């Protein structure tokens, strides 16, 4: 009979193990009834950094969350994974007061756990001020989630404006190069109509990178309208932008000498190289046969592309 009682006791504990996931059993105390009671008890003030099962009802949303929209289908898929595998990675919260916590990172896991109907969720409890909250939330989302480009750009801007970080520091914290961060920030200078289209996924980041090389907002909107109407590819958009940005050909001067065979060969080579590198190439020739080749690039990413081709 005592054996049967122990088996029943084990069966009662099984759902909790399933909800947490096997990996967390090694991190959260499991010593018996007293260990379970300690686990469910509210953590003391000095225990920040440990993992606890926090009631979902005691967790407030993060006001600094850079993501404004969540894909419902993706949340349902994550909820299914939690039902099958449990919570693999704890969320991170900060303690506000007795019985109240605020989410720092892991909002998708938090929302999916609500869909599953979990009462509690494993969480790291940290101590953080508002500036640290903002910094951690943005960095966690940029590194783990597919923010749309406008949300990501706004996140970088908030890091700079509200956390007083330089462009270099932002790059260091999120693991991206300065030109990449700068390209995202430049998106915020596009007309609102184009930003909305980029935010909603109707315009790609590649199209936007081409448009930001134009300074005139009216020209940006005109090209954007043509892109949307004709369904232009990124490459076609870049060609259109280059055509708009290049100066008109001057009228030929009557006394201009006919080009030499060497100059004609250079012009043909310009066309050939331009097609190969997908950019404008200029070859300047001297009378003694010397000269130089110039490749045009429009931003840091375009330069890196050319350097990769050149090896």
Protein backbone atom coordinates (compact mmCIF):
# COMPACT_ATOMS: atom_id res chain seq x y z
CA UNK A 1 0.00 0.00 0.00
CA UNK A 2 2.77 2.53 0.79
CA UNK A 3 4.22 1.78 -2.65
CA UNK A 4 0.91 2.61 -4.32
CA UNK A 5 0.69 5.84 -2.36
CA UNK A 6 4.13 6.86 -3.58
CA UNK A 7 3.14 6.11 -7.17
CA UNK A 8 0.07 8.31 -6.86
CA UNK A 9 2.21 11.06 -5.42
CA UNK A 10 4.56 10.81 -8.40
CA UNK A 11 1.66 11.00 -10.81
CA UNK A 12 0.49 14.23 -9.24
CA UNK A 13 3.90 15.78 -9.76
CA UNK A 14 4.19 14.77 -13.45
CA UNK A 15 2.17 17.62 -14.99
CA UNK A 16 4.36 20.21 -13.28
CA UNK A 17 7.51 18.62 -14.73
CA UNK A 18 5.93 18.57 -18.17
CA UNK A 19 4.96 22.23 -17.98
CA UNK A 20 8.44 23.32 -17.00
CA UNK A 21 10.41 21.16 -19.37
CA UNK A 22 13.19 18.74 -18.43
CA UNK A 23 16.01 21.27 -18.67
CA UNK A 24 14.58 23.45 -15.91
CA UNK A 25 14.36 20.58 -13.42
CA UNK A 26 18.10 20.92 -12.91
CA UNK A 27 17.81 24.66 -12.21
CA UNK A 28 14.66 24.84 -10.03
CA UNK A 29 14.62 23.15 -6.59
CA UNK A 30 12.84 19.75 -6.59
CA UNK A 31 13.54 18.36 -3.12
CA UNK A 32 10.00 17.22 -2.21
CA UNK A 33 6.96 18.97 -0.80
CA UNK A 34 9.02 21.55 1.05
CA UNK A 35 11.02 22.28 -2.10
CA UNK A 36 7.84 22.73 -4.11
CA UNK A 37 6.45 25.11 -1.51
CA UNK A 38 9.65 27.12 -1.62
CA UNK A 39 9.45 27.23 -5.39
CA UNK A 40 5.91 28.61 -5.38
CA UNK A 41 6.63 31.14 -2.67
CA UNK A 42 7.30 34.71 -3.71
CA UNK A 43 11.07 35.20 -4.03
CA UNK A 44 12.76 37.34 -1.46
CA UNK A 45 14.15 40.73 -2.38
CA UNK A 46 17.76 39.56 -2.29
CA UNK A 47 17.30 36.60 -4.62
CA UNK A 48 17.36 38.49 -7.94
CA UNK A 49 19.06 36.43 -10.64
CA UNK A 50 17.51 33.10 -9.58
CA UNK A 51 14.77 31.22 -11.42
CA UNK A 52 11.29 31.06 -9.90
CA UNK A 53 7.85 30.00 -11.02
CA UNK A 54 6.01 33.31 -11.13
CA UNK A 55 2.19 33.46 -11.47
CA UNK A 56 1.27 34.84 -14.88
CA UNK A 57 -1.41 36.96 -13.20
CA UNK A 58 1.31 38.85 -11.30
CA UNK A 59 3.30 39.81 -14.41
CA UNK A 60 2.78 43.18 -16.10
CA UNK A 61 3.59 43.83 -19.74
CA UNK A 62 6.81 45.65 -20.59
CA UNK A 63 6.02 49.31 -21.45
CA UNK A 64 9.31 49.48 -23.34
CA UNK A 65 8.48 46.58 -25.67
CA UNK A 66 9.65 47.69 -29.15
CA UNK A 67 7.45 45.14 -30.93
CA UNK A 68 3.94 46.49 -31.51
CA UNK A 69 2.38 43.57 -33.40
CA UNK A 70 2.55 39.81 -32.84
CA UNK A 71 1.79 37.14 -35.43
CA UNK A 72 -1.13 35.17 -34.01
CA UNK A 73 -0.33 32.05 -36.04
CA UNK A 74 3.27 32.07 -34.78
CA UNK A 75 2.00 32.45 -31.20
CA UNK A 76 -0.28 29.44 -31.67
CA UNK A 77 2.66 27.40 -32.96
CA UNK A 78 4.73 28.42 -29.94
CA UNK A 79 1.80 27.51 -27.66
CA UNK A 80 1.67 24.04 -29.24
CA UNK A 81 5.41 23.66 -28.61
CA UNK A 82 4.97 24.65 -24.96
CA UNK A 83 2.15 22.10 -24.55
CA UNK A 84 4.44 19.38 -25.93
CA UNK A 85 7.85 20.38 -24.59
CA UNK A 86 7.20 22.82 -21.76
CA UNK A 87 9.01 26.13 -21.25
CA UNK A 88 12.55 25.56 -22.49
CA UNK A 89 13.86 29.05 -21.75
CA UNK A 90 12.59 31.12 -18.81
CA UNK A 91 11.35 34.66 -19.36
CA UNK A 92 13.05 37.57 -17.58
CA UNK A 93 11.19 39.88 -15.18
CA UNK A 94 11.98 42.52 -12.58
CA UNK A 95 10.32 42.70 -9.20
CA UNK A 96 8.25 45.86 -8.74
CA UNK A 97 6.84 45.13 -5.28
CA UNK A 98 5.41 42.27 -3.26
CA UNK A 99 3.50 40.04 -5.69
CA UNK A 100 4.04 42.21 -8.81
CA UNK A 101 6.60 41.72 -11.58
CA UNK A 102 7.26 43.48 -14.87
CA UNK A 103 8.30 41.67 -18.03
CA UNK A 104 11.77 42.51 -19.35
CA UNK A 105 12.07 39.97 -22.16
CA UNK A 106 10.26 36.91 -23.46
CA UNK A 107 6.88 38.43 -24.31
CA UNK A 108 6.15 35.82 -26.99
CA UNK A 109 6.71 33.03 -24.46
CA UNK A 110 4.59 34.93 -21.94
CA UNK A 111 1.69 35.37 -24.39
CA UNK A 112 1.91 31.79 -25.65
CA UNK A 113 1.82 30.53 -22.04
CA UNK A 114 -1.38 32.50 -21.54
CA UNK A 115 -2.85 30.77 -24.59
CA UNK A 116 -1.89 27.39 -23.13
CA UNK A 117 -3.55 28.33 -19.84
CA UNK A 118 -0.50 27.95 -17.60
CA UNK A 119 -0.90 29.45 -14.14
CA UNK A 120 2.83 29.96 -13.60
CA UNK A 121 5.90 30.44 -15.77
CA UNK A 122 9.62 29.99 -15.01
CA UNK A 123 11.33 33.37 -14.84
CA UNK A 124 14.68 34.95 -14.09
CA UNK A 125 14.13 37.72 -11.54
CA UNK A 126 16.41 40.68 -12.15
CA UNK A 127 16.92 44.14 -10.73
CA UNK A 128 16.81 46.80 -13.44
CA UNK A 129 16.00 50.47 -13.72
CA UNK A 130 13.92 51.87 -16.56
CA UNK A 131 16.93 52.60 -18.76
CA UNK A 132 18.22 49.05 -18.33
CA UNK A 133 14.71 47.73 -18.96
CA UNK A 134 14.51 49.56 -22.27
CA UNK A 135 18.01 48.51 -23.30
CA UNK A 136 17.50 44.83 -22.45
CA UNK A 137 14.05 44.65 -24.05
CA UNK A 138 15.17 46.17 -27.34
CA UNK A 139 18.36 44.13 -27.58
CA UNK A 140 16.54 40.89 -26.71
CA UNK A 141 13.93 41.53 -29.39
CA UNK A 142 16.38 42.58 -32.08
CA UNK A 143 18.50 39.50 -31.52
CA UNK A 144 15.66 37.00 -31.17
CA UNK A 145 12.64 38.32 -33.09
CA UNK A 146 11.90 39.38 -36.65
CA UNK A 147 10.92 42.97 -36.03
CA UNK A 148 9.77 44.83 -39.11
CA UNK A 149 12.38 47.37 -40.31
CA UNK A 150 10.55 50.41 -38.91
CA UNK A 151 10.17 48.83 -35.46
CA UNK A 152 13.85 47.93 -35.52
CA UNK A 153 14.83 51.45 -36.60
CA UNK A 154 12.69 52.96 -33.81
CA UNK A 155 14.37 50.61 -31.35
CA UNK A 156 17.83 51.84 -32.38
CA UNK A 157 16.64 55.44 -32.14
CA UNK A 158 15.30 54.89 -28.63
CA UNK A 159 18.59 53.34 -27.56
CA UNK A 160 20.37 56.47 -28.76
CA UNK A 161 17.84 59.04 -27.52
CA UNK A 162 16.67 57.53 -24.24
CA UNK A 163 19.74 55.52 -23.19
CA UNK A 164 22.27 58.07 -24.49
CA UNK A 165 24.13 55.48 -26.55
CA UNK A 166 26.28 56.43 -29.52
CA UNK A 167 25.91 54.75 -32.89
CA UNK A 168 29.05 52.73 -32.16
CA UNK A 169 27.73 51.59 -28.76
CA UNK A 170 24.41 50.54 -30.26
CA UNK A 171 26.29 48.49 -32.85
CA UNK A 172 28.40 46.83 -30.14
CA UNK A 173 25.36 45.91 -28.04
CA UNK A 174 23.30 44.40 -30.88
CA UNK A 175 26.22 42.91 -32.80
CA UNK A 176 25.74 44.90 -36.00
CA UNK A 177 28.03 47.20 -37.94
CA UNK A 178 27.63 50.96 -37.80
CA UNK A 179 26.62 51.34 -41.51
CA UNK A 180 23.83 48.78 -40.99
CA UNK A 181 22.46 50.64 -37.96
CA UNK A 182 22.71 53.92 -39.84
CA UNK A 183 20.77 52.51 -42.81
CA UNK A 184 17.93 51.54 -40.47
CA UNK A 185 17.89 54.99 -38.89
CA UNK A 186 17.72 56.62 -42.33
CA UNK A 187 14.46 54.76 -42.97
CA UNK A 188 12.82 57.07 -40.43
CA UNK A 189 13.48 59.98 -42.80
CA UNK A 190 11.36 58.44 -45.56
CA UNK A 191 7.87 59.90 -46.12
CA UNK A 192 5.23 58.42 -43.77
CA UNK A 193 3.47 56.64 -46.65
CA UNK A 194 6.64 54.71 -47.51
CA UNK A 195 7.38 53.96 -43.85
CA UNK A 196 3.88 52.52 -43.41
CA UNK A 197 4.31 50.31 -46.46
CA UNK A 198 7.66 49.06 -45.14
CA UNK A 199 6.16 48.45 -41.69
CA UNK A 200 3.26 46.46 -43.14
CA UNK A 201 5.49 44.31 -45.35
CA UNK A 202 4.24 45.71 -48.66
CA UNK A 203 7.69 47.15 -49.41
CA UNK A 204 10.94 45.28 -48.82
CA UNK A 205 14.05 46.54 -47.06
CA UNK A 206 15.92 46.30 -50.36
CA UNK A 207 13.47 48.69 -52.03
CA UNK A 208 13.73 51.08 -49.07
CA UNK A 209 17.55 51.06 -49.19
CA UNK A 210 17.36 52.19 -52.79
CA UNK A 211 14.83 54.94 -52.02
CA UNK A 212 16.82 56.44 -49.14
CA UNK A 213 19.65 57.33 -51.53
CA UNK A 214 17.34 60.01 -53.00
CA UNK A 215 17.18 63.28 -51.06
CA UNK A 216 14.00 64.67 -52.61
CA UNK A 217 10.85 63.31 -50.86
CA UNK A 218 8.70 64.00 -53.94
CA UNK A 219 11.02 61.88 -56.08
CA UNK A 220 10.97 59.18 -53.40
CA UNK A 221 7.17 59.09 -53.49
CA UNK A 222 7.10 59.09 -57.30
CA UNK A 223 9.46 56.12 -57.53
CA UNK A 224 7.63 54.36 -54.69
CA UNK A 225 4.33 54.74 -56.58
CA UNK A 226 5.91 53.24 -59.70
CA UNK A 227 7.40 50.36 -57.69
CA UNK A 228 4.01 49.52 -56.19
CA UNK A 229 2.11 49.94 -59.45
CA UNK A 230 4.47 47.92 -61.65
CA UNK A 231 5.69 45.47 -59.00
CA UNK A 232 9.31 46.39 -59.67
CA UNK A 233 12.05 44.17 -58.26
CA UNK A 234 14.77 45.56 -56.00
CA UNK A 235 17.25 45.58 -58.88
CA UNK A 236 14.82 47.38 -61.17
CA UNK A 237 14.19 49.93 -58.43
CA UNK A 238 17.92 50.52 -58.02
CA UNK A 239 18.24 51.07 -61.77
CA UNK A 240 15.37 53.54 -61.67
CA UNK A 241 16.94 55.39 -58.76
CA UNK A 242 20.28 55.56 -60.60
CA UNK A 243 18.56 56.94 -63.66
CA UNK A 244 16.83 59.63 -61.63
CA UNK A 245 20.01 60.53 -59.77
CA UNK A 246 22.32 60.72 -62.79
CA UNK A 247 22.79 64.07 -64.56
CA UNK A 248 21.30 64.50 -68.01
CA UNK A 249 23.68 64.08 -70.90
CA UNK A 250 25.01 67.35 -72.24
CA UNK A 251 24.43 68.32 -75.86
CA UNK A 252 27.36 67.27 -78.02
CA UNK A 253 29.85 69.96 -78.90
CA UNK A 254 30.37 70.24 -82.63
CA UNK A 255 34.14 70.64 -82.43
CA UNK A 256 34.62 67.71 -80.04
CA UNK A 257 37.11 65.27 -81.51
CA UNK A 258 35.99 61.79 -82.43
CA UNK A 259 36.81 59.21 -79.72
CA UNK A 260 39.88 57.12 -80.31
CA UNK A 261 39.78 53.34 -80.59
CA UNK A 262 41.27 53.16 -77.09
CA UNK A 263 38.48 55.37 -75.69
CA UNK A 264 35.82 53.33 -77.47
CA UNK A 265 37.31 50.18 -75.99
CA UNK A 266 37.19 51.79 -72.54
CA UNK A 267 33.49 52.70 -73.00
CA UNK A 268 32.72 49.11 -73.98
CA UNK A 269 34.60 47.87 -70.93
CA UNK A 270 32.56 50.26 -68.75
CA UNK A 271 29.34 48.67 -69.99
CA UNK A 272 30.70 45.16 -69.50
CA UNK A 273 31.95 45.81 -65.96
CA UNK A 274 28.78 47.71 -65.07
CA UNK A 275 26.69 44.71 -66.05
CA UNK A 276 28.91 42.28 -64.13
CA UNK A 277 28.98 44.33 -60.91
CA UNK A 278 25.43 45.70 -61.24
CA UNK A 279 26.57 49.29 -60.75
CA UNK A 280 27.89 52.24 -62.72
CA UNK A 281 31.57 51.93 -63.69
CA UNK A 282 33.69 54.81 -65.02
CA UNK A 283 37.04 54.34 -66.76
CA UNK A 284 39.17 57.48 -67.20
CA UNK A 285 42.00 57.14 -69.72
CA UNK A 286 45.11 59.21 -70.20
CA UNK A 287 47.01 59.97 -73.37
CA UNK A 288 49.90 57.77 -72.27
CA UNK A 289 47.62 54.74 -71.81
CA UNK A 290 47.29 55.10 -68.02
CA UNK A 291 43.98 55.63 -66.25
CA UNK A 292 41.72 54.65 -63.38
CA UNK A 293 38.52 52.68 -62.84
CA UNK A 294 35.78 53.98 -60.50
CA UNK A 295 32.93 51.88 -59.13
CA UNK A 296 29.87 53.65 -57.74
CA UNK A 297 28.22 52.41 -54.54
CA UNK A 298 25.20 53.83 -52.72
CA UNK A 299 25.67 52.74 -49.12
CA UNK A 300 27.78 50.56 -46.86
CA UNK A 301 25.97 47.36 -47.79
CA UNK A 302 26.44 48.10 -51.50
CA UNK A 303 30.17 48.67 -50.91
CA UNK A 304 30.47 45.37 -49.05
CA UNK A 305 28.71 43.63 -51.96
CA UNK A 306 31.23 45.02 -54.43
CA UNK A 307 34.18 44.10 -52.21
CA UNK A 308 32.92 40.52 -51.96
CA UNK A 309 32.73 40.26 -55.77
CA UNK A 310 36.22 41.74 -56.11
CA UNK A 311 37.48 39.21 -53.57
